[in-house]
């Protein structure tokens, strides 16, 4: 069910959770920025920020240490991989892993167009703009990371806890595949245009359009992987 009546503190809690699960900005045991600075960064009042923190404390994600600050719970597991990484190491084909993306990410783009908050849309736009800069000045590894961050920001905007945990693991499993794709300058240029088109649809709340373009974008990647495989066999 679409979460139409989410209160602001729930959205802020999701943003902080994304910084932990998706962006890996804060690891278990890490201290969060002080309340004044962090609430300002998130563009919310300190009251709203405190409520978001309370929600995450209740869920076991954060702990408050009086006099020291707020920390990510040392027992919080951000590395549960559902067996995906170990399966990948056992030889699951790159095509199969990317087909899983094809099953998941177009629907994620669809839901993000419906559910994303305005601040989440701004974050997606920032990652989209960063990719353009990386294409001009960055390394292949920078391209890989920029591509991943954009896709992960969309997944996070779905507001589904399982999605938040699944997508970082899935991208870890196909990390080398992403490096292959990001070596292809033509794919990177066309991919950047895909990203812009996806963002335009999400900003317009055009869920069907976002889903269609995301599907095309991933299919293009699968096609390039197949071409690289053919070259290797010749």
C-alpha atoms as a PDB file:
ATOM      1  CA  UNK A   1       0.000   0.000   0.000  1.00  0.00           C
ATOM      2  CA  UNK A   2       1.310   3.471  -0.867  1.00  0.00           C
ATOM      3  CA  UNK A   3       2.289   5.396   2.238  1.00  0.00           C
ATOM      4  CA  UNK A   4       0.411   8.642   1.587  1.00  0.00           C
ATOM      5  CA  UNK A   5       0.066   9.749   5.198  1.00  0.00           C
ATOM      6  CA  UNK A   6       3.607   9.391   6.416  1.00  0.00           C
ATOM      7  CA  UNK A   7       4.576  12.010   8.960  1.00  0.00           C
ATOM      8  CA  UNK A   8       7.748  14.019   8.383  1.00  0.00           C
ATOM      9  CA  UNK A   9       9.654  12.268  11.158  1.00  0.00           C
ATOM     10  CA  UNK A  10       9.111   8.907   9.407  1.00  0.00           C
ATOM     11  CA  UNK A  11      10.642  10.314   6.231  1.00  0.00           C
ATOM     12  CA  UNK A  12      13.614  11.643   8.202  1.00  0.00           C
ATOM     13  CA  UNK A  13      14.063   8.260   9.892  1.00  0.00           C
ATOM     14  CA  UNK A  14      14.146   6.659   6.433  1.00  0.00           C
ATOM     15  CA  UNK A  15      16.767   9.173   5.264  1.00  0.00           C
ATOM     16  CA  UNK A  16      19.012   8.384   8.218  1.00  0.00           C
ATOM     17  CA  UNK A  17      18.481   4.658   7.662  1.00  0.00           C
ATOM     18  CA  UNK A  18      19.513   5.134   4.035  1.00  0.00           C
ATOM     19  CA  UNK A  19      22.751   6.803   5.150  1.00  0.00           C
ATOM     20  CA  UNK A  20      23.440   3.669   7.220  1.00  0.00           C
ATOM     21  CA  UNK A  21      22.210   0.841   4.976  1.00  0.00           C
ATOM     22  CA  UNK A  22      22.662   2.275   1.499  1.00  0.00           C
ATOM     23  CA  UNK A  23      25.318   4.976   1.551  1.00  0.00           C
ATOM     24  CA  UNK A  24      27.348   3.314   4.349  1.00  0.00           C
ATOM     25  CA  UNK A  25      28.031   6.788   5.702  1.00  0.00           C
ATOM     26  CA  UNK A  26      27.608   5.527   9.272  1.00  0.00           C
ATOM     27  CA  UNK A  27      28.718   2.053  10.345  1.00  0.00           C
ATOM     28  CA  UNK A  28      27.806   0.127  13.513  1.00  0.00           C
ATOM     29  CA  UNK A  29      29.365   1.978  16.448  1.00  0.00           C
ATOM     30  CA  UNK A  30      29.656   5.249  14.498  1.00  0.00           C
ATOM     31  CA  UNK A  31      28.580   8.485  16.149  1.00  0.00           C
ATOM     32  CA  UNK A  32      26.032  10.628  14.296  1.00  0.00           C
ATOM     33  CA  UNK A  33      26.627  14.379  13.875  1.00  0.00           C
ATOM     34  CA  UNK A  34      25.295  16.532  16.684  1.00  0.00           C
ATOM     35  CA  UNK A  35      21.583  17.289  16.715  1.00  0.00           C
ATOM     36  CA  UNK A  36      21.884  20.906  15.566  1.00  0.00           C
ATOM     37  CA  UNK A  37      24.134  20.163  12.587  1.00  0.00           C
ATOM     38  CA  UNK A  38      22.313  17.005  11.487  1.00  0.00           C
ATOM     39  CA  UNK A  39      18.809  18.490  11.701  1.00  0.00           C
ATOM     40  CA  UNK A  40      20.067  21.449   9.674  1.00  0.00           C
ATOM     41  CA  UNK A  41      21.563  19.109   7.057  1.00  0.00           C
ATOM     42  CA  UNK A  42      18.245  17.252   6.820  1.00  0.00           C
ATOM     43  CA  UNK A  43      16.384  20.576   6.666  1.00  0.00           C
ATOM     44  CA  UNK A  44      14.034  19.728   9.547  1.00  0.00           C
ATOM     45  CA  UNK A  45      13.398  21.070  13.031  1.00  0.00           C
ATOM     46  CA  UNK A  46      15.222  19.608  16.014  1.00  0.00           C
ATOM     47  CA  UNK A  47      11.876  18.342  17.314  1.00  0.00           C
ATOM     48  CA  UNK A  48      11.262  16.372  14.114  1.00  0.00           C
ATOM     49  CA  UNK A  49      14.837  15.106  14.168  1.00  0.00           C
ATOM     50  CA  UNK A  50      14.479  13.877  17.761  1.00  0.00           C
ATOM     51  CA  UNK A  51      11.294  12.004  16.859  1.00  0.00           C
ATOM     52  CA  UNK A  52      13.047  10.326  13.917  1.00  0.00           C
ATOM     53  CA  UNK A  53      15.906   9.293  16.174  1.00  0.00           C
ATOM     54  CA  UNK A  54      13.428   7.907  18.715  1.00  0.00           C
ATOM     55  CA  UNK A  55      11.849   5.761  15.986  1.00  0.00           C
ATOM     56  CA  UNK A  56      15.234   4.331  15.033  1.00  0.00           C
ATOM     57  CA  UNK A  57      16.115   3.746  18.681  1.00  0.00           C
ATOM     58  CA  UNK A  58      12.871   1.806  19.077  1.00  0.00           C
ATOM     59  CA  UNK A  59      13.827  -0.309  16.047  1.00  0.00           C
ATOM     60  CA  UNK A  60      17.251  -1.069  17.504  1.00  0.00           C
ATOM     61  CA  UNK A  61      19.120   0.846  14.809  1.00  0.00           C
ATOM     62  CA  UNK A  62      20.396   3.698  17.006  1.00  0.00           C
ATOM     63  CA  UNK A  63      21.384   4.018  20.652  1.00  0.00           C
ATOM     64  CA  UNK A  64      21.616   7.205  22.698  1.00  0.00           C
ATOM     65  CA  UNK A  65      24.550   7.441  25.087  1.00  0.00           C
ATOM     66  CA  UNK A  66      23.829  10.210  27.540  1.00  0.00           C
ATOM     67  CA  UNK A  67      26.534  12.840  27.447  1.00  0.00           C
ATOM     68  CA  UNK A  68      28.221  11.252  24.414  1.00  0.00           C
ATOM     69  CA  UNK A  69      25.660  11.493  21.605  1.00  0.00           C
ATOM     70  CA  UNK A  70      23.721   9.199  19.299  1.00  0.00           C
ATOM     71  CA  UNK A  71      25.385   6.137  17.775  1.00  0.00           C
ATOM     72  CA  UNK A  72      24.547   3.383  15.322  1.00  0.00           C
ATOM     73  CA  UNK A  73      23.929   0.303  17.434  1.00  0.00           C
ATOM     74  CA  UNK A  74      27.077  -1.840  17.479  1.00  0.00           C
ATOM     75  CA  UNK A  75      24.837  -4.903  17.166  1.00  0.00           C
ATOM     76  CA  UNK A  76      23.003  -3.575  14.124  1.00  0.00           C
ATOM     77  CA  UNK A  77      23.749  -5.869  11.189  1.00  0.00           C
ATOM     78  CA  UNK A  78      24.087  -4.024   7.885  1.00  0.00           C
ATOM     79  CA  UNK A  79      25.839  -6.965   6.243  1.00  0.00           C
ATOM     80  CA  UNK A  80      23.084  -9.590   6.119  1.00  0.00           C
ATOM     81  CA  UNK A  81      23.405 -10.620   2.477  1.00  0.00           C
ATOM     82  CA  UNK A  82      20.602 -13.220   2.260  1.00  0.00           C
ATOM     83  CA  UNK A  83      23.186 -15.584   0.746  1.00  0.00           C
ATOM     84  CA  UNK A  84      23.445 -13.504  -2.453  1.00  0.00           C
ATOM     85  CA  UNK A  85      27.155 -12.722  -2.308  1.00  0.00           C
ATOM     86  CA  UNK A  86      28.138 -16.300  -1.488  1.00  0.00           C
ATOM     87  CA  UNK A  87      25.974 -17.524  -4.370  1.00  0.00           C
ATOM     88  CA  UNK A  88      27.638 -15.049  -6.712  1.00  0.00           C
ATOM     89  CA  UNK A  89      31.063 -16.341  -5.686  1.00  0.00           C
ATOM     90  CA  UNK A  90      29.935 -19.849  -6.569  1.00  0.00           C
ATOM     91  CA  UNK A  91      29.528 -18.896 -10.195  1.00  0.00           C
ATOM     92  CA  UNK A  92      26.082 -17.428 -10.810  1.00  0.00           C
ATOM     93  CA  UNK A  93      26.221 -15.879 -14.276  1.00  0.00           C
ATOM     94  CA  UNK A  94      26.461 -12.103 -14.572  1.00  0.00           C
ATOM     95  CA  UNK A  95      23.425 -12.191 -16.816  1.00  0.00           C
ATOM     96  CA  UNK A  96      21.385 -13.928 -14.112  1.00  0.00           C
ATOM     97  CA  UNK A  97      22.370 -11.339 -11.513  1.00  0.00           C
ATOM     98  CA  UNK A  98      21.469  -8.487 -13.851  1.00  0.00           C
ATOM     99  CA  UNK A  99      18.165 -10.130 -14.695  1.00  0.00           C
ATOM    100  CA  UNK A 100      17.345  -9.918 -10.988  1.00  0.00           C
ATOM    101  CA  UNK A 101      17.870  -6.171 -11.336  1.00  0.00           C
ATOM    102  CA  UNK A 102      15.517  -6.250 -14.304  1.00  0.00           C
ATOM    103  CA  UNK A 103      12.837  -7.886 -12.162  1.00  0.00           C
ATOM    104  CA  UNK A 104      13.261  -5.409  -9.289  1.00  0.00           C
ATOM    105  CA  UNK A 105      14.486  -1.984 -10.379  1.00  0.00           C
ATOM    106  CA  UNK A 106      11.836  -0.953 -12.929  1.00  0.00           C
ATOM    107  CA  UNK A 107       9.192  -1.531 -10.261  1.00  0.00           C
ATOM    108  CA  UNK A 108      11.360   0.361  -7.764  1.00  0.00           C
ATOM    109  CA  UNK A 109      11.454   3.332 -10.164  1.00  0.00           C
ATOM    110  CA  UNK A 110       7.670   3.074 -10.522  1.00  0.00           C
ATOM    111  CA  UNK A 111       7.138   3.171  -6.750  1.00  0.00           C
ATOM    112  CA  UNK A 112       9.767   5.880  -6.217  1.00  0.00           C
ATOM    113  CA  UNK A 113       7.830   8.165  -8.569  1.00  0.00           C
ATOM    114  CA  UNK A 114       4.821   7.694  -6.292  1.00  0.00           C
ATOM    115  CA  UNK A 115       6.417   7.559  -2.844  1.00  0.00           C
ATOM    116  CA  UNK A 116       9.602   9.643  -2.914  1.00  0.00           C
ATOM    117  CA  UNK A 117       9.685  12.717  -0.718  1.00  0.00           C
ATOM    118  CA  UNK A 118      10.858  16.020  -2.163  1.00  0.00           C
ATOM    119  CA  UNK A 119      14.138  15.745  -0.258  1.00  0.00           C
ATOM    120  CA  UNK A 120      14.688  12.263  -1.674  1.00  0.00           C
ATOM    121  CA  UNK A 121      14.065  13.558  -5.179  1.00  0.00           C
ATOM    122  CA  UNK A 122      16.669  16.253  -4.558  1.00  0.00           C
ATOM    123  CA  UNK A 123      19.135  13.582  -3.424  1.00  0.00           C
ATOM    124  CA  UNK A 124      18.481  11.492  -6.549  1.00  0.00           C
ATOM    125  CA  UNK A 125      19.007  14.575  -8.708  1.00  0.00           C
ATOM    126  CA  UNK A 126      22.315  15.253  -6.952  1.00  0.00           C
ATOM    127  CA  UNK A 127      23.556  11.725  -7.656  1.00  0.00           C
ATOM    128  CA  UNK A 128      22.398  12.084 -11.261  1.00  0.00           C
ATOM    129  CA  UNK A 129      24.346  15.346 -11.634  1.00  0.00           C
ATOM    130  CA  UNK A 130      27.397  13.820  -9.969  1.00  0.00           C
ATOM    131  CA  UNK A 131      27.487  11.089 -12.586  1.00  0.00           C
ATOM    132  CA  UNK A 132      27.820  13.707 -15.329  1.00  0.00           C
ATOM    133  CA  UNK A 133      30.847  15.175 -13.543  1.00  0.00           C
ATOM    134  CA  UNK A 134      32.391  11.741 -13.021  1.00  0.00           C
ATOM    135  CA  UNK A 135      32.024  10.931 -16.724  1.00  0.00           C
ATOM    136  CA  UNK A 136      34.178  13.949 -17.517  1.00  0.00           C
ATOM    137  CA  UNK A 137      36.800  13.661 -14.793  1.00  0.00           C
ATOM    138  CA  UNK A 138      36.463  10.385 -12.896  1.00  0.00           C
ATOM    139  CA  UNK A 139      38.015   6.941 -13.076  1.00  0.00           C
ATOM    140  CA  UNK A 140      36.216   3.712 -14.019  1.00  0.00           C
ATOM    141  CA  UNK A 141      35.814   2.974 -10.290  1.00  0.00           C
ATOM    142  CA  UNK A 142      34.330   6.449  -9.768  1.00  0.00           C
ATOM    143  CA  UNK A 143      31.849   5.709 -12.546  1.00  0.00           C
ATOM    144  CA  UNK A 144      30.886   2.446 -10.905  1.00  0.00           C
ATOM    145  CA  UNK A 145      30.279   4.116  -7.550  1.00  0.00           C
ATOM    146  CA  UNK A 146      28.307   7.001  -9.068  1.00  0.00           C
ATOM    147  CA  UNK A 147      26.108   4.566 -11.010  1.00  0.00           C
ATOM    148  CA  UNK A 148      25.476   2.509  -7.884  1.00  0.00           C
ATOM    149  CA  UNK A 149      24.616   5.506  -5.709  1.00  0.00           C
ATOM    150  CA  UNK A 150      22.025   6.716  -8.193  1.00  0.00           C
ATOM    151  CA  UNK A 151      20.282   3.349  -8.403  1.00  0.00           C
ATOM    152  CA  UNK A 152      20.441   2.848  -4.648  1.00  0.00           C
ATOM    153  CA  UNK A 153      18.896   6.268  -4.012  1.00  0.00           C
ATOM    154  CA  UNK A 154      15.896   5.211  -6.099  1.00  0.00           C
ATOM    155  CA  UNK A 155      15.570   1.931  -4.205  1.00  0.00           C
ATOM    156  CA  UNK A 156      15.676   3.784  -0.902  1.00  0.00           C
ATOM    157  CA  UNK A 157      12.830   6.055  -2.015  1.00  0.00           C
ATOM    158  CA  UNK A 158      10.500   3.065  -2.247  1.00  0.00           C
ATOM    159  CA  UNK A 159      10.296   3.053   1.592  1.00  0.00           C
ATOM    160  CA  UNK A 160      10.539  -0.702   1.889  1.00  0.00           C
ATOM    161  CA  UNK A 161      12.851  -2.055   4.590  1.00  0.00           C
ATOM    162  CA  UNK A 162      13.618  -5.244   2.667  1.00  0.00           C
ATOM    163  CA  UNK A 163      14.522  -3.236  -0.434  1.00  0.00           C
ATOM    164  CA  UNK A 164      16.887  -1.076   1.642  1.00  0.00           C
ATOM    165  CA  UNK A 165      18.753  -4.208   2.735  1.00  0.00           C
ATOM    166  CA  UNK A 166      18.594  -6.097  -0.567  1.00  0.00           C
ATOM    167  CA  UNK A 167      19.843  -3.526  -3.061  1.00  0.00           C
ATOM    168  CA  UNK A 168      23.263  -2.760  -1.484  1.00  0.00           C
ATOM    169  CA  UNK A 169      23.928  -6.503  -1.283  1.00  0.00           C
ATOM    170  CA  UNK A 170      22.847  -7.053  -4.876  1.00  0.00           C
ATOM    171  CA  UNK A 171      25.134  -4.282  -6.095  1.00  0.00           C
ATOM    172  CA  UNK A 172      28.013  -5.742  -4.097  1.00  0.00           C
ATOM    173  CA  UNK A 173      27.446  -9.071  -5.825  1.00  0.00           C
ATOM    174  CA  UNK A 174      27.537  -7.522  -9.285  1.00  0.00           C
ATOM    175  CA  UNK A 175      30.319  -5.032  -8.539  1.00  0.00           C
ATOM    176  CA  UNK A 176      32.689  -6.481 -11.114  1.00  0.00           C
ATOM    177  CA  UNK A 177      29.906  -6.498 -13.685  1.00  0.00           C
ATOM    178  CA  UNK A 178      29.410  -2.790 -13.059  1.00  0.00           C
ATOM    179  CA  UNK A 179      33.109  -2.201 -13.658  1.00  0.00           C
ATOM    180  CA  UNK A 180      32.819  -3.933 -17.043  1.00  0.00           C
ATOM    181  CA  UNK A 181      29.861  -1.768 -17.997  1.00  0.00           C
ATOM    182  CA  UNK A 182      31.521   1.419 -16.785  1.00  0.00           C
ATOM    183  CA  UNK A 183      34.515   0.767 -19.066  1.00  0.00           C
ATOM    184  CA  UNK A 184      32.214   1.311 -22.031  1.00  0.00           C
ATOM    185  CA  UNK A 185      32.213   5.054 -22.688  1.00  0.00           C
ATOM    186  CA  UNK A 186      29.193   4.820 -24.974  1.00  0.00           C
ATOM    187  CA  UNK A 187      27.185   2.966 -22.318  1.00  0.00           C
ATOM    188  CA  UNK A 188      28.169   5.543 -19.702  1.00  0.00           C
ATOM    189  CA  UNK A 189      27.101   8.445 -21.912  1.00  0.00           C
ATOM    190  CA  UNK A 190      23.830   6.799 -22.875  1.00  0.00           C
ATOM    191  CA  UNK A 191      23.333   5.607 -19.305  1.00  0.00           C
ATOM    192  CA  UNK A 192      23.716   9.168 -18.039  1.00  0.00           C
ATOM    193  CA  UNK A 193      20.980  10.255 -20.451  1.00  0.00           C
ATOM    194  CA  UNK A 194      18.813   7.379 -19.188  1.00  0.00           C
ATOM    195  CA  UNK A 195      19.335   8.594 -15.635  1.00  0.00           C
ATOM    196  CA  UNK A 196      18.261  12.100 -16.562  1.00  0.00           C
ATOM    197  CA  UNK A 197      15.158  10.749 -18.285  1.00  0.00           C
ATOM    198  CA  UNK A 198      14.305   8.573 -15.277  1.00  0.00           C
ATOM    199  CA  UNK A 199      14.695  11.567 -12.973  1.00  0.00           C
ATOM    200  CA  UNK A 200      12.442  13.708 -15.151  1.00  0.00           C
ATOM    201  CA  UNK A 201       9.725  11.044 -14.919  1.00  0.00           C
ATOM    202  CA  UNK A 202      10.140  10.688 -11.158  1.00  0.00           C
ATOM    203  CA  UNK A 203      10.002  14.466 -10.651  1.00  0.00           C
ATOM    204  CA  UNK A 204       6.799  14.570 -12.712  1.00  0.00           C
ATOM    205  CA  UNK A 205       5.441  11.590 -10.732  1.00  0.00           C
ATOM    206  CA  UNK A 206       5.178   9.685 -14.018  1.00  0.00           C
ATOM    207  CA  UNK A 207       5.489   6.188 -12.548  1.00  0.00           C
ATOM    208  CA  UNK A 208       4.873   4.302 -15.806  1.00  0.00           C
ATOM    209  CA  UNK A 209       7.465   6.378 -17.653  1.00  0.00           C
ATOM    210  CA  UNK A 210      10.084   5.877 -14.926  1.00  0.00           C
ATOM    211  CA  UNK A 211       9.515   2.119 -15.012  1.00  0.00           C
ATOM    212  CA  UNK A 212       9.787   1.917 -18.806  1.00  0.00           C
ATOM    213  CA  UNK A 213      13.046   3.863 -19.026  1.00  0.00           C
ATOM    214  CA  UNK A 214      14.621   1.947 -16.133  1.00  0.00           C
ATOM    215  CA  UNK A 215      13.775  -1.327 -17.854  1.00  0.00           C
ATOM    216  CA  UNK A 216      15.347  -0.121 -21.104  1.00  0.00           C
ATOM    217  CA  UNK A 217      18.445   1.072 -19.219  1.00  0.00           C
ATOM    218  CA  UNK A 218      19.052  -2.324 -17.595  1.00  0.00           C
ATOM    219  CA  UNK A 219      18.360  -4.210 -20.823  1.00  0.00           C
ATOM    220  CA  UNK A 220      21.012  -2.075 -22.522  1.00  0.00           C
ATOM    221  CA  UNK A 221      23.503  -3.154 -19.859  1.00  0.00           C
ATOM    222  CA  UNK A 222      22.637  -6.826 -20.327  1.00  0.00           C
ATOM    223  CA  UNK A 223      23.138  -6.462 -24.070  1.00  0.00           C
ATOM    224  CA  UNK A 224      26.615  -4.941 -23.559  1.00  0.00           C
ATOM    225  CA  UNK A 225      27.565  -7.763 -21.182  1.00  0.00           C
ATOM    226  CA  UNK A 226      26.559 -10.280 -23.830  1.00  0.00           C
ATOM    227  CA  UNK A 227      28.667  -8.442 -26.421  1.00  0.00           C
ATOM    228  CA  UNK A 228      31.693  -8.468 -24.095  1.00  0.00           C
ATOM    229  CA  UNK A 229      31.196 -12.183 -23.495  1.00  0.00           C
ATOM    230  CA  UNK A 230      31.105 -12.828 -27.265  1.00  0.00           C
ATOM    231  CA  UNK A 231      34.360 -10.886 -27.715  1.00  0.00           C
ATOM    232  CA  UNK A 232      35.973 -13.004 -25.028  1.00  0.00           C
ATOM    233  CA  UNK A 233      34.914 -16.206 -26.775  1.00  0.00           C
ATOM    234  CA  UNK A 234      36.327 -15.141 -30.138  1.00  0.00           C
END
